[in-house]
């Protein structure tokens, strides 16, 4: 419940164009993924790795996010940032470029929530030709215990015909 309310508040502020949807919503996104793994502090930001399920690619995931000034927000504060998420299998790869808002949580303390807009940086796969475009939103939770959870959702479009 808290996540949905916070996502709605961020969307209302104009930061992200994709709000958290109730489980009963009949929305079918071309990019509809859920992933989990671990995160570690890296020079200039946070790296995370794990496994993603969903479409258009299910497989291994690697990501990196950073705030504009390199510091993480304190509880109750938010900072602008950016990053990437790459998911690949033996059949396809999807790379998303992120423009993000990092927010420090009061509870559980130490958790960082990232709400991001994505732009498809690249996609290679059998279903869509190279040069695909797309936009959407990503919810990323970096917990104090070192676990990470992410949900990219949005569109993926065929390249324009020449």
N, C-alpha and C. Protein backbone atom coordinates (compact mmCIF):
# COMPACT_ATOMS: atom_id res chain seq x y z
N UNK A 1 0.82 -1.18 0.00
CA UNK A 1 0.00 0.00 0.00
C UNK A 1 0.87 1.24 0.00
N UNK A 2 1.90 1.28 0.83
CA UNK A 2 2.76 2.45 0.91
C UNK A 2 3.40 2.75 -0.44
N UNK A 3 3.87 1.68 -1.16
CA UNK A 3 4.51 1.87 -2.44
C UNK A 3 3.56 2.51 -3.44
N UNK A 4 2.31 2.04 -3.49
CA UNK A 4 1.34 2.59 -4.43
C UNK A 4 1.07 4.05 -4.12
N UNK A 5 0.94 4.41 -2.85
CA UNK A 5 0.68 5.80 -2.49
C UNK A 5 1.89 6.67 -2.82
N UNK A 6 3.11 6.18 -2.55
CA UNK A 6 4.30 6.97 -2.84
C UNK A 6 4.47 7.12 -4.35
N UNK A 7 4.19 6.05 -5.10
CA UNK A 7 4.30 6.14 -6.56
C UNK A 7 3.30 7.16 -7.09
N UNK A 8 2.09 7.15 -6.56
CA UNK A 8 1.08 8.11 -7.00
C UNK A 8 1.52 9.54 -6.67
N UNK A 9 2.14 9.74 -5.51
CA UNK A 9 2.61 11.07 -5.13
C UNK A 9 3.72 11.54 -6.06
N UNK A 10 4.62 10.63 -6.41
CA UNK A 10 5.71 11.00 -7.32
C UNK A 10 5.15 11.30 -8.70
N UNK A 11 4.20 10.49 -9.15
CA UNK A 11 3.59 10.73 -10.46
C UNK A 11 2.87 12.07 -10.46
N UNK A 12 2.16 12.36 -9.38
CA UNK A 12 1.44 13.63 -9.30
C UNK A 12 2.41 14.81 -9.36
N UNK A 13 3.61 14.61 -8.86
CA UNK A 13 4.62 15.68 -8.91
C UNK A 13 5.25 15.79 -10.29
N UNK A 14 4.91 14.87 -11.19
CA UNK A 14 5.42 14.96 -12.56
C UNK A 14 6.77 14.29 -12.77
N UNK A 15 7.23 13.50 -11.82
CA UNK A 15 8.53 12.88 -11.96
C UNK A 15 8.47 11.65 -12.85
N UNK A 16 7.47 10.82 -12.69
CA UNK A 16 7.36 9.58 -13.44
C UNK A 16 6.00 9.54 -14.10
N UNK A 17 5.94 9.03 -15.33
CA UNK A 17 4.68 9.00 -16.06
C UNK A 17 3.90 7.71 -15.88
N UNK A 18 4.49 6.73 -15.20
CA UNK A 18 3.83 5.44 -15.05
C UNK A 18 3.61 5.16 -13.57
N UNK A 19 2.35 5.12 -13.14
CA UNK A 19 2.04 4.87 -11.73
C UNK A 19 1.95 3.38 -11.47
N UNK A 20 2.12 3.01 -10.22
CA UNK A 20 1.92 1.62 -9.83
C UNK A 20 0.46 1.27 -10.07
N UNK A 21 0.22 0.13 -10.69
CA UNK A 21 -1.14 -0.28 -11.04
C UNK A 21 -1.61 -1.35 -10.08
N UNK A 22 -2.90 -1.36 -9.74
CA UNK A 22 -3.41 -2.43 -8.91
C UNK A 22 -3.26 -3.76 -9.64
N UNK A 23 -3.14 -4.84 -8.90
CA UNK A 23 -2.93 -6.16 -9.49
C UNK A 23 -4.08 -6.54 -10.43
N UNK A 24 -5.26 -6.00 -10.22
CA UNK A 24 -6.42 -6.37 -11.03
C UNK A 24 -6.51 -5.58 -12.33
N UNK A 25 -5.64 -4.62 -12.56
CA UNK A 25 -5.71 -3.81 -13.77
C UNK A 25 -5.43 -4.68 -14.99
N UNK A 26 -6.19 -4.48 -16.07
CA UNK A 26 -6.01 -5.23 -17.30
C UNK A 26 -5.11 -4.47 -18.26
N UNK A 27 -3.89 -4.25 -17.85
CA UNK A 27 -2.93 -3.54 -18.68
C UNK A 27 -1.88 -4.55 -19.12
N UNK A 28 -1.60 -4.60 -20.41
CA UNK A 28 -0.59 -5.52 -20.93
C UNK A 28 0.54 -4.69 -21.53
N UNK A 29 1.63 -4.62 -20.80
CA UNK A 29 2.79 -3.87 -21.25
C UNK A 29 3.68 -4.75 -22.11
N UNK A 30 4.35 -4.16 -23.10
CA UNK A 30 5.33 -4.89 -23.91
C UNK A 30 6.56 -5.19 -23.07
N UNK A 31 6.94 -4.25 -22.19
CA UNK A 31 7.98 -4.49 -21.20
C UNK A 31 7.26 -4.66 -19.87
N UNK A 32 7.28 -5.87 -19.35
CA UNK A 32 6.58 -6.19 -18.10
C UNK A 32 7.45 -7.19 -17.35
N UNK A 33 8.36 -6.68 -16.55
CA UNK A 33 9.37 -7.51 -15.89
C UNK A 33 9.34 -7.33 -14.38
N UNK A 34 9.80 -8.35 -13.69
CA UNK A 34 10.00 -8.31 -12.24
C UNK A 34 11.33 -9.00 -11.98
N UNK A 35 12.18 -8.35 -11.18
CA UNK A 35 13.47 -8.96 -10.90
C UNK A 35 13.89 -8.76 -9.46
N UNK A 36 14.81 -9.60 -9.03
CA UNK A 36 15.36 -9.46 -7.69
C UNK A 36 16.79 -9.97 -7.68
N UNK A 37 17.54 -9.47 -6.70
CA UNK A 37 18.93 -9.86 -6.57
C UNK A 37 19.57 -9.11 -5.43
N UNK A 38 20.80 -8.69 -5.63
CA UNK A 38 21.55 -7.98 -4.61
C UNK A 38 22.14 -6.70 -5.19
N UNK A 39 22.45 -5.77 -4.28
CA UNK A 39 23.10 -4.53 -4.70
C UNK A 39 24.35 -4.32 -3.86
N UNK A 40 25.29 -3.56 -4.43
CA UNK A 40 26.51 -3.18 -3.72
C UNK A 40 26.88 -1.75 -4.08
N UNK A 41 27.51 -1.07 -3.16
CA UNK A 41 28.01 0.27 -3.44
C UNK A 41 29.16 0.13 -4.44
N UNK A 42 29.19 1.00 -5.42
CA UNK A 42 30.23 1.01 -6.44
C UNK A 42 30.74 2.44 -6.56
N UNK A 43 31.91 2.64 -7.15
CA UNK A 43 32.39 4.01 -7.32
C UNK A 43 31.35 4.87 -8.05
N UNK A 44 30.89 5.91 -7.39
CA UNK A 44 29.94 6.85 -7.99
C UNK A 44 28.49 6.44 -7.96
N UNK A 45 28.14 5.28 -7.41
CA UNK A 45 26.74 4.89 -7.41
C UNK A 45 26.51 3.52 -6.80
N UNK A 46 25.48 2.83 -7.30
CA UNK A 46 25.09 1.52 -6.80
C UNK A 46 24.92 0.58 -7.98
N UNK A 47 25.56 -0.59 -7.89
CA UNK A 47 25.39 -1.63 -8.88
C UNK A 47 24.49 -2.71 -8.33
N UNK A 48 23.69 -3.34 -9.20
CA UNK A 48 22.85 -4.45 -8.75
C UNK A 48 22.81 -5.53 -9.81
N UNK A 49 22.66 -6.77 -9.37
CA UNK A 49 22.59 -7.92 -10.27
C UNK A 49 21.54 -8.89 -9.75
N UNK A 50 21.03 -9.70 -10.66
CA UNK A 50 20.04 -10.69 -10.26
C UNK A 50 19.39 -11.32 -11.46
N UNK A 51 18.18 -11.80 -11.25
CA UNK A 51 17.42 -12.50 -12.28
C UNK A 51 16.09 -11.80 -12.49
N UNK A 52 15.68 -11.70 -13.75
CA UNK A 52 14.43 -11.06 -14.11
C UNK A 52 13.53 -12.04 -14.84
N UNK A 53 12.24 -12.00 -14.54
CA UNK A 53 11.24 -12.77 -15.27
C UNK A 53 10.34 -11.79 -16.01
N UNK A 54 9.58 -12.31 -16.97
CA UNK A 54 8.64 -11.46 -17.70
C UNK A 54 9.00 -11.31 -19.16
N UNK A 55 8.51 -10.25 -19.75
CA UNK A 55 8.74 -10.03 -21.18
C UNK A 55 9.29 -8.64 -21.43
N UNK A 56 9.98 -8.40 -22.49
CA UNK A 56 10.26 -9.29 -23.61
C UNK A 56 11.48 -10.17 -23.38
N UNK A 57 12.21 -9.98 -22.28
CA UNK A 57 13.40 -10.78 -21.99
C UNK A 57 13.35 -11.24 -20.53
N UNK A 58 13.54 -12.52 -20.31
CA UNK A 58 13.71 -13.06 -18.96
C UNK A 58 15.12 -13.64 -18.91
N UNK A 59 15.84 -13.31 -17.85
CA UNK A 59 17.20 -13.82 -17.75
C UNK A 59 18.00 -13.07 -16.71
N UNK A 60 19.28 -12.97 -16.96
CA UNK A 60 20.20 -12.28 -16.05
C UNK A 60 20.05 -10.77 -16.20
N UNK A 61 20.24 -10.06 -15.09
CA UNK A 61 20.12 -8.60 -15.11
C UNK A 61 21.29 -7.98 -14.38
N UNK A 62 21.75 -6.87 -14.93
CA UNK A 62 22.79 -6.06 -14.31
C UNK A 62 22.34 -4.61 -14.46
N UNK A 63 22.52 -3.82 -13.41
CA UNK A 63 22.14 -2.42 -13.47
C UNK A 63 23.09 -1.56 -12.68
N UNK A 64 23.03 -0.27 -12.94
CA UNK A 64 23.83 0.70 -12.22
C UNK A 64 23.02 1.98 -12.14
N UNK A 65 22.92 2.55 -10.94
CA UNK A 65 22.21 3.81 -10.74
C UNK A 65 23.08 4.75 -9.91
N UNK A 66 22.90 6.04 -10.16
CA UNK A 66 23.68 7.03 -9.41
C UNK A 66 22.89 8.32 -9.29
N UNK A 67 23.07 9.00 -8.18
CA UNK A 67 22.47 10.32 -8.03
C UNK A 67 23.35 11.32 -8.75
N UNK A 68 22.81 12.47 -9.02
CA UNK A 68 23.55 13.50 -9.74
C UNK A 68 24.84 13.89 -9.01
N UNK A 69 24.76 14.02 -7.67
CA UNK A 69 25.94 14.45 -6.91
C UNK A 69 26.71 13.30 -6.27
N UNK A 70 26.27 12.06 -6.49
CA UNK A 70 26.98 10.90 -5.98
C UNK A 70 26.65 10.51 -4.55
N UNK A 71 25.82 11.28 -3.85
CA UNK A 71 25.46 10.94 -2.47
C UNK A 71 24.05 10.34 -2.46
N UNK A 72 23.77 9.50 -1.49
CA UNK A 72 22.45 8.92 -1.35
C UNK A 72 21.59 9.81 -0.46
N UNK A 73 20.29 9.87 -0.72
CA UNK A 73 19.42 10.74 0.07
C UNK A 73 19.21 10.25 1.49
N UNK A 74 19.04 11.18 2.40
CA UNK A 74 18.70 10.88 3.78
C UNK A 74 17.21 10.52 3.84
N UNK A 75 16.76 9.88 4.92
CA UNK A 75 15.33 9.58 5.04
C UNK A 75 14.47 10.84 4.84
N UNK A 76 13.46 10.70 4.00
CA UNK A 76 12.56 11.81 3.73
C UNK A 76 13.02 12.75 2.64
N UNK A 77 14.23 12.54 2.10
CA UNK A 77 14.75 13.39 1.03
C UNK A 77 14.77 12.63 -0.28
N UNK A 78 14.74 13.37 -1.39
CA UNK A 78 14.84 12.78 -2.72
C UNK A 78 15.89 13.53 -3.53
N UNK A 79 16.56 12.80 -4.43
CA UNK A 79 17.59 13.39 -5.29
C UNK A 79 17.42 12.87 -6.71
N UNK A 80 17.79 13.70 -7.68
CA UNK A 80 17.76 13.29 -9.09
C UNK A 80 18.95 12.40 -9.41
N UNK A 81 18.78 11.54 -10.41
CA UNK A 81 19.86 10.66 -10.81
C UNK A 81 19.59 10.01 -12.16
N UNK A 82 20.39 9.00 -12.46
CA UNK A 82 20.28 8.30 -13.74
C UNK A 82 20.80 6.88 -13.58
N UNK A 83 20.72 6.09 -14.64
CA UNK A 83 21.24 4.73 -14.58
C UNK A 83 20.87 3.93 -15.80
N UNK A 84 21.18 2.63 -15.73
CA UNK A 84 20.83 1.69 -16.79
C UNK A 84 20.44 0.35 -16.16
N UNK A 85 19.61 -0.39 -16.87
CA UNK A 85 19.28 -1.76 -16.52
C UNK A 85 19.40 -2.59 -17.79
N UNK A 86 20.19 -3.65 -17.74
CA UNK A 86 20.37 -4.57 -18.88
C UNK A 86 19.90 -5.96 -18.47
N UNK A 87 19.02 -6.55 -19.28
CA UNK A 87 18.56 -7.91 -19.06
C UNK A 87 18.83 -8.70 -20.32
N UNK A 88 19.41 -9.91 -20.17
CA UNK A 88 19.75 -10.70 -21.33
C UNK A 88 19.54 -12.19 -21.08
N UNK A 89 19.32 -12.88 -22.20
CA UNK A 89 19.23 -14.33 -22.21
C UNK A 89 20.01 -14.78 -23.44
N UNK A 90 19.95 -16.07 -23.76
CA UNK A 90 20.63 -16.54 -24.97
C UNK A 90 19.89 -16.12 -26.24
N UNK A 91 18.67 -15.56 -26.12
CA UNK A 91 17.87 -15.19 -27.28
C UNK A 91 17.65 -13.70 -27.47
N UNK A 92 17.85 -12.90 -26.42
CA UNK A 92 17.53 -11.47 -26.53
C UNK A 92 18.27 -10.67 -25.47
N UNK A 93 18.32 -9.35 -25.68
CA UNK A 93 18.88 -8.42 -24.69
C UNK A 93 18.10 -7.11 -24.76
N UNK A 94 17.79 -6.57 -23.59
CA UNK A 94 17.09 -5.30 -23.46
C UNK A 94 17.90 -4.39 -22.55
N UNK A 95 18.19 -3.18 -23.02
CA UNK A 95 18.93 -2.20 -22.23
C UNK A 95 18.06 -0.96 -22.09
N UNK A 96 17.80 -0.55 -20.85
CA UNK A 96 16.99 0.63 -20.56
C UNK A 96 17.86 1.71 -19.96
N UNK A 97 17.75 2.94 -20.48
CA UNK A 97 18.43 4.11 -19.91
C UNK A 97 17.43 4.81 -18.99
N UNK A 98 17.86 5.14 -17.77
CA UNK A 98 16.96 5.67 -16.75
C UNK A 98 17.24 7.12 -16.42
N UNK A 99 16.17 7.87 -16.19
CA UNK A 99 16.21 9.19 -15.55
C UNK A 99 15.43 9.00 -14.26
N UNK A 100 16.09 9.20 -13.11
CA UNK A 100 15.52 8.70 -11.87
C UNK A 100 15.39 9.74 -10.78
N UNK A 101 14.56 9.39 -9.80
CA UNK A 101 14.39 10.12 -8.55
C UNK A 101 14.66 9.13 -7.43
N UNK A 102 15.69 9.36 -6.62
CA UNK A 102 16.06 8.51 -5.50
C UNK A 102 15.44 9.09 -4.24
N UNK A 103 14.75 8.27 -3.46
CA UNK A 103 14.13 8.75 -2.22
C UNK A 103 14.54 7.88 -1.05
N UNK A 104 15.01 8.51 0.01
CA UNK A 104 15.36 7.81 1.24
C UNK A 104 14.10 7.56 2.06
N UNK A 105 13.95 6.36 2.58
CA UNK A 105 12.74 5.99 3.31
C UNK A 105 12.95 6.14 4.81
N UNK A 106 11.91 6.62 5.50
CA UNK A 106 11.92 6.64 6.96
C UNK A 106 11.77 5.23 7.51
N UNK A 107 10.92 4.43 6.82
CA UNK A 107 10.71 3.06 7.25
C UNK A 107 10.61 2.16 6.04
N UNK A 108 11.29 1.07 5.95
CA UNK A 108 12.37 0.74 6.87
C UNK A 108 13.57 1.65 6.61
N UNK A 109 14.16 2.12 7.68
CA UNK A 109 15.28 3.05 7.57
C UNK A 109 16.41 2.39 6.79
N UNK A 110 17.05 3.17 5.95
CA UNK A 110 18.16 2.66 5.15
C UNK A 110 17.74 2.19 3.77
N UNK A 111 16.44 2.07 3.52
CA UNK A 111 15.96 1.66 2.20
C UNK A 111 15.95 2.86 1.26
N UNK A 112 16.37 2.64 0.04
CA UNK A 112 16.30 3.66 -1.00
C UNK A 112 15.30 3.19 -2.04
N UNK A 113 14.35 4.03 -2.38
CA UNK A 113 13.38 3.74 -3.42
C UNK A 113 13.71 4.62 -4.61
N UNK A 114 13.77 4.01 -5.79
CA UNK A 114 14.08 4.75 -7.01
C UNK A 114 12.89 4.62 -7.95
N UNK A 115 12.37 5.77 -8.38
CA UNK A 115 11.32 5.82 -9.39
C UNK A 115 11.96 6.44 -10.62
N UNK A 116 11.85 5.75 -11.76
CA UNK A 116 12.54 6.22 -12.95
C UNK A 116 11.67 6.15 -14.18
N UNK A 117 11.94 7.03 -15.10
CA UNK A 117 11.42 6.93 -16.46
C UNK A 117 12.50 6.18 -17.23
N UNK A 118 12.08 5.34 -18.17
CA UNK A 118 13.09 4.71 -19.01
C UNK A 118 12.87 5.04 -20.47
N UNK A 119 13.96 4.97 -21.21
CA UNK A 119 13.96 5.02 -22.67
C UNK A 119 14.71 3.77 -23.11
N UNK A 120 14.17 3.04 -24.08
CA UNK A 120 14.87 1.85 -24.57
C UNK A 120 16.15 2.30 -25.24
N UNK A 121 17.27 1.87 -24.69
CA UNK A 121 18.58 2.19 -25.28
C UNK A 121 18.88 1.23 -26.42
N UNK A 122 18.57 -0.06 -26.21
CA UNK A 122 18.73 -1.04 -27.29
C UNK A 122 17.91 -2.29 -26.97
N UNK A 123 17.52 -2.98 -28.03
CA UNK A 123 16.83 -4.26 -27.90
C UNK A 123 17.26 -5.14 -29.05
N UNK A 124 17.67 -6.35 -28.74
CA UNK A 124 17.94 -7.35 -29.76
C UNK A 124 17.15 -8.59 -29.39
N UNK A 125 16.37 -9.07 -30.31
CA UNK A 125 15.55 -10.25 -30.04
C UNK A 125 14.76 -10.61 -31.27
N UNK A 126 14.15 -11.76 -31.25
CA UNK A 126 13.44 -12.27 -32.41
C UNK A 126 12.10 -11.59 -32.65
N UNK A 127 11.46 -11.07 -31.61
CA UNK A 127 10.11 -10.55 -31.76
C UNK A 127 10.06 -9.16 -32.37
N UNK A 128 11.06 -8.35 -32.12
CA UNK A 128 11.07 -6.98 -32.62
C UNK A 128 12.40 -6.72 -33.32
N UNK A 129 12.35 -6.02 -34.43
CA UNK A 129 13.56 -5.74 -35.19
C UNK A 129 14.50 -4.82 -34.42
N UNK A 130 15.81 -4.89 -34.73
CA UNK A 130 16.76 -3.95 -34.10
C UNK A 130 16.34 -2.50 -34.36
N UNK A 131 16.64 -1.63 -33.43
CA UNK A 131 16.25 -0.22 -33.55
C UNK A 131 14.95 0.10 -32.84
N UNK A 132 14.45 -0.82 -32.03
CA UNK A 132 13.20 -0.60 -31.31
C UNK A 132 13.33 0.60 -30.38
N UNK A 133 12.20 1.25 -30.14
CA UNK A 133 12.13 2.37 -29.21
C UNK A 133 11.10 2.04 -28.14
N UNK A 134 11.02 2.86 -27.14
CA UNK A 134 10.01 2.66 -26.12
C UNK A 134 10.29 3.50 -24.90
N UNK A 135 9.24 3.71 -24.10
CA UNK A 135 9.34 4.46 -22.86
C UNK A 135 8.50 3.77 -21.81
N UNK A 136 8.78 4.07 -20.55
CA UNK A 136 8.00 3.50 -19.48
C UNK A 136 8.55 3.91 -18.14
N UNK A 137 8.24 3.12 -17.13
CA UNK A 137 8.66 3.43 -15.78
C UNK A 137 9.31 2.24 -15.10
N UNK A 138 10.15 2.53 -14.12
CA UNK A 138 10.83 1.49 -13.34
C UNK A 138 10.70 1.83 -11.87
N UNK A 139 10.32 0.83 -11.09
CA UNK A 139 10.35 0.94 -9.64
C UNK A 139 11.52 0.07 -9.19
N UNK A 140 12.43 0.64 -8.42
CA UNK A 140 13.61 -0.08 -7.92
C UNK A 140 13.70 0.15 -6.41
N UNK A 141 13.80 -0.96 -5.65
CA UNK A 141 13.93 -0.86 -4.20
C UNK A 141 15.28 -1.45 -3.80
N UNK A 142 16.09 -0.65 -3.12
CA UNK A 142 17.39 -1.08 -2.61
C UNK A 142 17.27 -1.14 -1.09
N UNK A 143 17.21 -2.34 -0.54
CA UNK A 143 16.99 -2.51 0.90
C UNK A 143 18.30 -2.49 1.66
N UNK A 144 18.19 -2.12 2.94
CA UNK A 144 19.37 -2.02 3.81
C UNK A 144 20.07 -3.36 3.98
N UNK A 145 19.37 -4.48 3.77
CA UNK A 145 20.00 -5.80 3.93
C UNK A 145 20.77 -6.24 2.69
N UNK A 146 20.87 -5.37 1.67
CA UNK A 146 21.64 -5.69 0.47
C UNK A 146 20.84 -6.32 -0.65
N UNK A 147 19.52 -6.47 -0.46
CA UNK A 147 18.70 -7.03 -1.53
C UNK A 147 18.16 -5.91 -2.42
N UNK A 148 17.89 -6.27 -3.66
CA UNK A 148 17.34 -5.32 -4.63
C UNK A 148 16.13 -5.96 -5.30
N UNK A 149 15.16 -5.12 -5.68
CA UNK A 149 13.95 -5.56 -6.36
C UNK A 149 13.61 -4.52 -7.41
N UNK A 150 13.25 -4.94 -8.63
CA UNK A 150 12.94 -3.97 -9.68
C UNK A 150 11.74 -4.43 -10.51
N UNK A 151 11.02 -3.45 -11.05
CA UNK A 151 9.85 -3.68 -11.90
C UNK A 151 9.86 -2.68 -13.05
N UNK A 152 10.41 -3.03 -14.21
CA UNK A 152 10.25 -2.17 -15.40
C UNK A 152 8.92 -2.49 -16.10
N UNK A 153 8.19 -1.45 -16.48
CA UNK A 153 6.94 -1.63 -17.20
C UNK A 153 6.75 -0.48 -18.19
N UNK A 154 6.35 -0.82 -19.41
CA UNK A 154 6.09 0.21 -20.39
C UNK A 154 6.01 -0.36 -21.79
N UNK A 155 6.37 0.45 -22.78
CA UNK A 155 6.21 -0.01 -24.16
C UNK A 155 7.54 -0.31 -24.84
N UNK A 156 7.43 -1.00 -25.94
CA UNK A 156 8.57 -1.37 -26.79
C UNK A 156 7.98 -1.41 -28.20
N UNK A 157 8.46 -0.55 -29.08
CA UNK A 157 7.85 -0.40 -30.40
C UNK A 157 8.80 -0.80 -31.50
N UNK A 158 8.21 -1.34 -32.57
CA UNK A 158 8.98 -1.66 -33.77
C UNK A 158 9.62 -0.38 -34.30
N UNK A 159 10.81 -0.50 -34.90
CA UNK A 159 11.39 0.69 -35.53
C UNK A 159 10.50 1.15 -36.68
N UNK A 160 10.54 2.44 -36.96
CA UNK A 160 9.73 2.99 -38.05
C UNK A 160 10.18 2.39 -39.38
N UNK A 161 9.20 2.11 -40.25
CA UNK A 161 9.50 1.58 -41.58
C UNK A 161 10.19 2.65 -42.41
N UNK A 162 11.11 2.22 -43.23
CA UNK A 162 11.84 3.17 -44.07
C UNK A 162 11.23 3.33 -45.42
